[in-house]
Amino acid sequence: MKKKHLYEERITIWNAEGIDQAIELAEQEADAYAKNIDAEYLGLAQGFYLFDKIDSSGTEVYSLLRESNLKPEKYLDHFFDTGNEHQRQWTEPAGRPYRENAH
């Protein structure tokens, strides 16, 4: 049975000065990507510092499509923001949407 929503989870690699810049680049790309496929970027970005040098920026290395009956906020809470993550908070630049505890 088809679910109400279709979500796409993506991992992209960014060559940036630091994690804050990488997340900003990823969010800009995610917003543009969503608009290009007539979808909505839900405002969740997570980052991980790669210890090895990379020469690529913006390359998609993973994508997963998942159908779900969960509404966007519940979907993010269920799969990505349970409250048990070991991660630091990222401060959103002015004018960007903010989701509490999402980064």
Foldseek 3Di string as FASTA:
>chain_A
DFAPDKDKDWDFDADDPDFLVLQVVVVVVQCVVQVVVVHHDLPADDDDDDPDDDDDHGHIDDMDMDTDNDDPVVVCCVPPNVPPDDDDDDDDDPPGDDDPRRD
